[in-house]
């Protein structure tokens, strides 16, 4: 999935609270973000926490997405 497609899905989430779009974002981006988190975090539990925090921050700050 291209970066543009992810942006379009996030815009759908942001404007309409389209949970299907949010789920698609998670499905498409979590494998790559998980690998990154695992490479940065000391444990897999910490990586999982970091991944969850990343998505939570995106959801909470959706109104400021540009």
Protein backbone atom coordinates (compact mmCIF):
# COMPACT_ATOMS: atom_id res chain seq x y z
CA UNK A 1 0.00 0.00 0.00
CA UNK A 2 1.38 3.37 -0.94
CA UNK A 3 1.84 6.24 1.46
CA UNK A 4 -0.84 8.16 -0.44
CA UNK A 5 -3.35 5.33 0.04
CA UNK A 6 -2.66 5.30 3.78
CA UNK A 7 -3.14 9.08 3.88
CA UNK A 8 -6.47 8.76 2.07
CA UNK A 9 -7.64 6.09 4.50
CA UNK A 10 -6.56 8.22 7.45
CA UNK A 11 -8.46 11.15 6.00
CA UNK A 12 -11.58 8.94 5.82
CA UNK A 13 -11.06 8.05 9.48
CA UNK A 14 -10.45 11.67 10.43
CA UNK A 15 -13.45 13.15 8.63
CA UNK A 16 -16.05 10.38 8.99
CA UNK A 17 -14.73 8.21 11.80
CA UNK A 18 -14.81 5.35 9.31
CA UNK A 19 -13.67 2.40 11.43
CA UNK A 20 -13.19 0.24 8.33
CA UNK A 21 -10.62 2.74 7.07
CA UNK A 22 -8.88 2.70 10.44
CA UNK A 23 -8.81 -1.10 10.42
CA UNK A 24 -7.35 -1.10 6.92
CA UNK A 25 -4.63 1.30 8.04
CA UNK A 26 -3.76 -0.99 10.92
CA UNK A 27 -3.75 -4.11 8.73
CA UNK A 28 -1.54 -2.47 6.12
CA UNK A 29 0.93 -0.63 8.34
CA UNK A 30 1.31 -2.74 11.47
CA UNK A 31 3.68 -5.40 10.05
CA UNK A 32 6.27 -2.81 9.04
CA UNK A 33 5.80 -0.74 12.19
CA UNK A 34 6.03 -3.89 14.30
CA UNK A 35 9.41 -4.74 12.77
CA UNK A 36 10.62 -1.22 13.45
CA UNK A 37 9.36 -1.30 17.04
CA UNK A 38 11.06 -4.66 17.63
CA UNK A 39 14.35 -3.27 16.37
CA UNK A 40 14.14 -0.28 18.73
CA UNK A 41 12.58 -1.70 21.88
CA UNK A 42 14.43 -3.85 24.40
CA UNK A 43 11.63 -6.46 24.60
CA UNK A 44 8.71 -7.57 22.47
CA UNK A 45 6.34 -6.34 25.18
CA UNK A 46 7.91 -2.88 24.94
CA UNK A 47 7.62 -3.05 21.14
CA UNK A 48 3.94 -3.90 21.44
CA UNK A 49 3.42 -0.98 23.82
CA UNK A 50 5.21 1.35 21.42
CA UNK A 51 3.10 0.17 18.49
CA UNK A 52 -0.11 0.68 20.44
CA UNK A 53 1.06 4.12 21.58
CA UNK A 54 1.79 5.05 17.97
CA UNK A 55 -1.73 4.22 16.81
CA UNK A 56 -3.28 5.85 19.85
CA UNK A 57 -1.35 9.07 19.21
CA UNK A 58 -2.47 9.06 15.58
CA UNK A 59 -6.10 8.60 16.60
CA UNK A 60 -5.97 11.21 19.36
CA UNK A 61 -4.26 13.76 17.12
CA UNK A 62 -6.28 13.05 13.98
CA UNK A 63 -7.73 16.58 13.97
CA UNK A 64 -4.26 18.04 13.44
CA UNK A 65 -3.41 15.75 10.50
CA UNK A 66 -2.22 17.72 7.50
